[in-house]
Structures are given as C-alpha cells and as structure tokens.
Amino acid sequence: MKFLIAPVFALLSSVAAAQTVSAVTSAPSALNRVAQSGTLRVCTPGDYKPFSFQRPDGSFEGLDVDLMGSLATALGAKPQFVKTTWANLMPDFVAGKCDIAAGGISVTLERQKLAFFSAPYMVNGKTPIARCENAAKYQSVEAINRPEVRVIANPGGSNERFAKTRLQRAQLTVHRDNLTIFDELIAGRADVFVTEAAEAVAQSRIHPELCAINPEHPLQYAEMAFLLPNGDTVFKGFVDQWLHLARAGGDYQVHATKWLGK
C-alpha cells in the first residue's frame, strides 16, 4: 500500500493544480470588460509632463495620453481618464476604479506586490533639476545629500521615496503640488528636485532658468510601464503585444518624438 502513496499524492496535486488554473483562467479579464463596455478606464495623476497633464478644461494631454488613445483604439474602445494623485494611485487602482494606469509610472517592487506591470516602454532614471547657475553643484547623490542642500519632492511616488532613502542628510520639503515644484526652484525656495529624466528635460525647456543635470547619466536606473490588474495575464498579454507592435510599426516613435523630441 505504501507504494501507492506517491501516485495518489501526484494525482491529488494534479487535480488541485487544475482547479487553481481553472479558477485563474475563469476570472473575468479587463480585456472582456473593456470590449463589452467600449470604454478603457485609465487612472492618471495628470500632473507629470510630458507623460500626462490635465489642462484647465479638464482634458488630458501627453505621451501616455496619446498611447492610451492608441491602446483604446486597438481594443475597439474609447479612453476615459480617471483623475487620481500619486499618493492615491495604488489604492484607487487596487479598488478597481480603472482598467489600466498611466502617466509616467515608474516600475517599483512595492507596486509590483499589488499589480502587474506591462512591458516597460522607456528607461527613465532619476535626474536632478536645479537653477542653471547651481547645476555644477549637484552632479551626484553625494553632492546633493548634504545638510545645507534644500531638496524638494512631490508626495506619494518614487520621487519622494528616492529623496527619503537616498538624500536623508539633506533638508527635505514634501511639496503637495507637483505642478508648482518648479516655481519653488525658480524662486529660490528650494535648491534641487530629483525626478525622472524625461520630466527634468521637459521642464528645463519650459523654464529656461532650470537645467536638467546629466539626464543621459541618471542617479538611479528606472523603467516606465503601465499598471495592470494583478493576475490578469490575458489583459497583460494583449497590452504587451500592442506595445510591441506599436514600437515595431513606428507608432510609438511618432508619439515619443512629439512629446520628447526624440
């Protein structure tokens, strides 16, 4: 009888595995919901140029906004942008307020615990931005991480996390409005803001008083991707294939050139 234990155990394991696979595959996918509703709900903070920015009239513009429009078209749907904040991004997404999240979202292990990420569409590491006359002072983490340096960061995202973990010796101000952080730098109320390279470059074009510092050599490696529902392999497969085809066919580059100039 003891010789039957292994075969029986293997059979029971196979049944349990089959039931688990069945449960996963039978779960409704966002792909089905979007197809049925004709609407792709997109969570976005809308305060992060050049990825997603909410205009005064309430509409959105930016690289990720254009990409979500392209994805919605591929799904036979229309995009519906759901305003959130960086602090509320993950709670809103996990609560099911949207099917996908976009707007310059960095891939982090903490976010990965709660959601899937699409394949990354951009490498976009942490880059300082400061008044141009002070740019030479802030060439490295060591140069910024000093008690006399006034660092500013926006709350709830990877910029705040970077400042609190890598710039602990500096004077840190968490500024609630991401859109006016650059005004704080220009006015001299803060010395340096560490953000993603693309935003630093975009804001230096908007504000000639500010300079992105070595954006081609970021202080920390980072990737941008879209947030997807945890466990939804069907939707992730579709989004990843859409992104692959957008890159291969040149559609992605058209949007990137429009917003990033490259």
Protein backbone atom coordinates (compact mmCIF):
# COMPACT_ATOMS: atom_id res chain seq x y z
CA MET A 1 0.00 0.00 0.00
CA LYS A 2 2.82 2.39 0.76
CA PHE A 3 3.85 2.28 -2.91
CA LEU A 4 0.51 3.88 -3.82
CA ILE A 5 1.12 7.00 -1.74
CA ALA A 6 3.26 8.80 -4.34
CA PRO A 7 0.91 8.14 -7.30
CA VAL A 8 -2.14 9.16 -5.26
CA PHE A 9 -0.38 12.28 -3.99
CA ALA A 10 0.64 13.16 -7.54
CA LEU A 11 -2.94 12.68 -8.72
CA LEU A 12 -4.33 14.88 -5.95
CA SER A 13 -1.68 17.53 -6.70
CA SER A 14 -2.63 17.45 -10.38
CA VAL A 15 -6.31 17.90 -9.52
CA ALA A 16 -5.53 20.80 -7.19
CA ALA A 17 -3.33 22.44 -9.80
CA ALA A 18 -6.02 22.02 -12.44
CA GLN A 19 -8.58 23.59 -10.13
CA THR A 20 -6.23 26.52 -9.45
CA VAL A 21 -5.59 27.07 -13.17
CA SER A 22 -9.32 26.84 -13.83
CA ALA A 23 -10.03 29.42 -11.14
CA VAL A 24 -7.43 31.80 -12.55
CA THR A 25 -8.45 31.40 -16.18
CA SER A 26 -12.16 31.69 -15.35
CA ALA A 27 -11.66 35.03 -13.59
CA PRO A 28 -13.01 37.86 -15.76
CA SER A 29 -10.32 39.81 -17.60
CA ALA A 30 -10.23 43.56 -18.07
CA LEU A 31 -9.98 42.71 -21.77
CA ASN A 32 -13.55 41.38 -21.68
CA ARG A 33 -14.86 44.28 -19.61
CA VAL A 34 -13.36 46.88 -21.96
CA ALA A 35 -14.68 45.07 -25.03
CA GLN A 36 -18.19 44.89 -23.58
CA SER A 37 -18.32 48.46 -22.27
CA GLY A 38 -16.44 50.15 -25.11
CA THR A 39 -14.53 52.21 -22.51
CA LEU A 40 -10.92 51.91 -21.35
CA ARG A 41 -10.72 53.48 -17.88
CA VAL A 42 -7.27 55.00 -17.32
CA CYS A 43 -6.13 56.18 -13.88
CA THR A 44 -3.64 59.05 -14.14
CA PRO A 45 -2.41 61.79 -11.78
CA GLY A 46 -2.31 64.23 -14.69
CA ASP A 47 0.45 66.41 -13.25
CA TYR A 48 3.53 64.94 -14.88
CA LYS A 49 4.74 66.48 -18.13
CA PRO A 50 5.45 65.16 -20.72
CA PHE A 51 3.55 61.96 -19.84
CA SER A 52 0.15 63.13 -18.61
CA PHE A 53 -1.05 66.64 -17.86
CA GLN A 54 -4.57 67.84 -17.12
CA ARG A 55 -5.48 71.03 -18.99
CA PRO A 56 -7.58 73.78 -17.36
CA ASP A 57 -10.65 72.48 -19.22
CA GLY A 58 -10.26 69.07 -17.58
CA SER A 59 -8.96 67.20 -20.63
CA PHE A 60 -5.58 65.45 -20.66
CA GLU A 61 -2.53 65.60 -22.91
CA GLY A 62 0.87 63.95 -23.04
CA LEU A 63 2.79 60.93 -24.27
CA ASP A 64 0.91 58.42 -22.14
CA VAL A 65 -2.40 60.05 -23.01
CA ASP A 66 -1.69 59.54 -26.70
CA LEU A 67 -0.54 55.96 -26.09
CA MET A 68 -3.70 55.17 -24.12
CA GLY A 69 -5.73 56.54 -27.02
CA SER A 70 -3.87 54.18 -29.35
CA LEU A 71 -4.44 51.23 -26.99
CA ALA A 72 -8.14 52.07 -26.68
CA THR A 73 -8.45 52.09 -30.46
CA ALA A 74 -6.81 48.65 -30.63
CA LEU A 75 -9.38 47.45 -28.09
CA GLY A 76 -12.29 48.94 -30.04
CA ALA A 77 -12.94 51.36 -27.18
CA LYS A 78 -12.58 54.98 -26.13
CA PRO A 79 -10.28 56.14 -23.31
CA GLN A 80 -11.82 57.56 -20.14
CA PHE A 81 -9.25 59.25 -17.90
CA VAL A 82 -9.83 58.92 -14.15
CA LYS A 83 -8.04 61.63 -12.16
CA THR A 84 -6.02 60.41 -9.19
CA THR A 85 -2.93 61.52 -7.25
CA TRP A 86 0.43 59.84 -6.74
CA ALA A 87 -0.47 59.18 -3.11
CA ASN A 88 -3.79 57.57 -4.10
CA LEU A 89 -2.66 55.87 -7.31
CA MET A 90 -2.28 52.37 -5.88
CA PRO A 91 -5.38 52.49 -3.59
CA ASP A 92 -7.53 53.73 -6.49
CA PHE A 93 -6.11 51.13 -8.86
CA VAL A 94 -6.47 48.20 -6.45
CA ALA A 95 -10.04 49.34 -5.70
CA GLY A 96 -10.90 48.77 -9.37
CA LYS A 97 -11.55 52.37 -10.37
CA CYS A 98 -9.75 51.79 -13.67
CA ASP A 99 -8.53 49.09 -16.05
CA ILE A 100 -5.01 50.47 -16.50
CA ALA A 101 -2.92 53.28 -15.02
CA ALA A 102 -0.56 55.54 -16.95
CA GLY A 103 1.15 58.89 -16.70
CA GLY A 104 4.87 58.32 -16.14
CA ILE A 105 4.67 55.45 -13.66
CA SER A 106 7.99 54.00 -12.52
CA VAL A 107 8.30 50.25 -12.10
CA THR A 108 8.90 49.53 -8.41
CA LEU A 109 8.88 46.32 -6.40
CA GLU A 110 6.40 47.82 -3.93
CA ARG A 111 3.88 48.47 -6.72
CA GLN A 112 4.64 45.05 -8.18
CA LYS A 113 3.32 43.47 -4.98
CA LEU A 114 -0.14 44.82 -5.73
CA ALA A 115 -0.39 44.92 -9.51
CA PHE A 116 1.05 43.71 -12.78
CA PHE A 117 3.20 45.94 -14.96
CA SER A 118 3.20 45.97 -18.73
CA ALA A 119 6.47 45.51 -20.56
CA PRO A 120 8.46 48.73 -19.98
CA TYR A 121 8.25 51.34 -22.72
CA MET A 122 11.05 53.64 -21.53
CA VAL A 123 14.20 53.75 -19.41
CA ASN A 124 13.89 56.94 -17.40
CA GLY A 125 16.17 57.22 -14.36
CA LYS A 126 16.30 59.73 -11.53
CA THR A 127 17.77 63.07 -12.59
CA PRO A 128 18.31 66.31 -10.64
CA ILE A 129 16.93 69.62 -11.87
CA ALA A 130 18.09 72.92 -10.40
CA ARG A 131 18.62 76.55 -11.30
CA CYS A 132 21.19 76.63 -14.07
CA GLU A 133 23.69 78.71 -12.10
CA ASN A 134 23.78 75.94 -9.47
CA ALA A 135 23.80 72.92 -11.77
CA ALA A 136 27.51 72.28 -11.30
CA LYS A 137 26.95 71.84 -7.55
CA TYR A 138 24.56 68.89 -7.85
CA GLN A 139 26.29 66.37 -10.07
CA SER A 140 25.92 63.35 -7.76
CA VAL A 141 23.96 61.89 -4.86
CA GLU A 142 26.86 62.76 -2.56
CA ALA A 143 26.79 66.39 -3.64
CA ILE A 144 23.03 66.66 -3.04
CA ASN A 145 22.91 64.64 0.18
CA ARG A 146 24.26 67.41 2.39
CA PRO A 147 22.65 69.25 5.34
CA GLU A 148 22.84 72.63 3.62
CA VAL A 149 21.04 71.47 0.45
CA ARG A 150 17.29 72.09 0.28
CA VAL A 151 15.69 69.19 -1.58
CA ILE A 152 12.06 69.30 -2.69
CA ALA A 153 9.88 66.31 -3.66
CA ASN A 154 6.27 65.56 -4.57
CA PRO A 155 4.36 63.16 -2.28
CA GLY A 156 3.31 59.57 -2.79
CA GLY A 157 5.58 58.38 -5.58
CA SER A 158 9.07 57.21 -6.37
CA ASN A 159 10.48 60.77 -6.20
CA GLU A 160 9.57 61.08 -2.53
CA ARG A 161 10.87 57.56 -1.88
CA PHE A 162 14.20 58.39 -3.55
CA ALA A 163 14.57 61.60 -1.53
CA LYS A 164 13.80 59.87 1.78
CA THR A 165 16.07 56.88 1.19
CA ARG A 166 19.00 58.38 -0.76
CA LEU A 167 19.01 62.02 0.40
CA GLN A 168 18.45 61.61 4.13
CA ARG A 169 21.02 64.21 5.18
CA ALA A 170 19.57 66.98 3.03
CA GLN A 171 16.77 69.32 4.08
CA LEU A 172 13.65 67.78 2.56
CA THR A 173 10.39 69.57 1.81
CA VAL A 174 7.48 67.48 0.52
CA HIS A 175 5.57 69.87 -1.73
CA ARG A 176 1.93 68.95 -2.26
CA ASP A 177 1.53 70.39 -5.75
CA ASN A 178 3.73 68.73 -8.35
CA LEU A 179 2.90 71.45 -10.87
CA THR A 180 4.42 74.26 -8.79
CA ILE A 181 7.57 72.47 -7.60
CA PHE A 182 9.47 74.12 -10.43
CA ASP A 183 8.26 77.56 -9.32
CA GLU A 184 9.80 76.81 -5.92
CA LEU A 185 13.15 76.14 -7.56
CA ILE A 186 12.97 79.27 -9.71
CA ALA A 187 12.04 81.42 -6.69
CA GLY A 188 14.99 80.07 -4.73
CA ARG A 189 12.90 78.46 -2.01
CA ALA A 190 14.41 75.05 -2.88
CA ASP A 191 17.73 74.04 -4.42
CA VAL A 192 17.14 70.77 -6.25
CA PHE A 193 14.39 68.36 -7.26
CA VAL A 194 15.21 64.79 -8.26
CA THR A 195 12.69 63.39 -10.75
CA GLU A 196 12.66 61.28 -13.90
CA ALA A 197 14.96 62.33 -16.72
CA ALA A 198 12.11 62.98 -19.18
CA GLU A 199 10.33 65.36 -16.81
CA ALA A 200 13.57 67.15 -15.93
CA VAL A 201 14.32 67.70 -19.63
CA ALA A 202 10.76 68.76 -20.44
CA GLN A 203 10.61 71.25 -17.57
CA SER A 204 14.01 72.71 -18.45
CA ARG A 205 12.57 73.50 -21.89
CA ILE A 206 9.54 75.18 -20.35
CA HIS A 207 11.61 77.05 -17.74
CA PRO A 208 14.95 78.21 -19.21
CA GLU A 209 16.08 79.18 -15.70
CA LEU A 210 16.28 75.48 -14.83
CA CYS A 211 18.69 72.84 -16.08
CA ALA A 212 18.33 69.07 -16.14
CA ILE A 213 21.61 67.70 -14.75
CA ASN A 214 23.16 64.86 -16.74
CA PRO A 215 19.84 63.27 -17.83
CA GLU A 216 21.76 60.81 -20.00
CA HIS A 217 23.50 59.51 -16.85
CA PRO A 218 20.75 59.24 -14.20
CA LEU A 219 21.44 58.85 -10.49
CA GLN A 220 19.30 55.70 -10.35
CA TYR A 221 18.09 53.35 -13.07
CA ALA A 222 14.33 53.26 -13.61
CA GLU A 223 11.81 52.00 -16.14
CA MET A 224 8.38 53.31 -17.09
CA ALA A 225 5.44 50.96 -17.65
CA PHE A 226 1.66 50.80 -17.35
CA LEU A 227 -0.08 49.40 -14.28
CA LEU A 228 -2.35 46.42 -14.98
CA PRO A 229 -4.72 44.39 -12.77
CA ASN A 230 -2.90 41.86 -10.63
CA GLY A 231 -3.15 38.33 -12.03
CA ASP A 232 -4.81 39.39 -15.29
CA THR A 233 -2.47 37.58 -17.68
CA VAL A 234 -4.95 37.85 -20.56
CA PHE A 235 -5.02 41.66 -20.46
CA LYS A 236 -1.27 41.89 -19.87
CA GLY A 237 -0.67 39.69 -22.91
CA PHE A 238 -2.79 41.98 -25.08
CA VAL A 239 -1.20 45.20 -23.79
CA ASP A 240 2.33 43.85 -24.18
CA GLN A 241 1.64 42.71 -27.75
CA TRP A 242 0.03 46.06 -28.62
CA LEU A 243 3.10 47.85 -27.25
CA HIS A 244 5.43 45.55 -29.20
CA LEU A 245 3.58 46.24 -32.45
CA ALA A 246 3.44 49.98 -31.73
CA ARG A 247 7.21 50.01 -31.39
CA ALA A 248 7.86 47.77 -34.39
CA GLY A 249 5.46 49.69 -36.62
CA GLY A 250 6.71 53.16 -35.66
CA ASP A 251 3.53 54.40 -33.93
CA TYR A 252 5.28 54.65 -30.57
CA GLN A 253 8.16 56.66 -32.05
CA VAL A 254 5.74 59.18 -33.58
CA HIS A 255 4.28 59.91 -30.14
CA ALA A 256 7.69 59.89 -28.43
CA THR A 257 9.07 62.40 -30.94
CA LYS A 258 6.07 64.66 -30.43
CA TRP A 259 6.46 64.81 -26.65
CA LEU A 260 10.13 64.06 -26.02
CA GLY A 261 11.73 65.39 -29.17
CA LYS A 262 13.46 62.08 -29.85
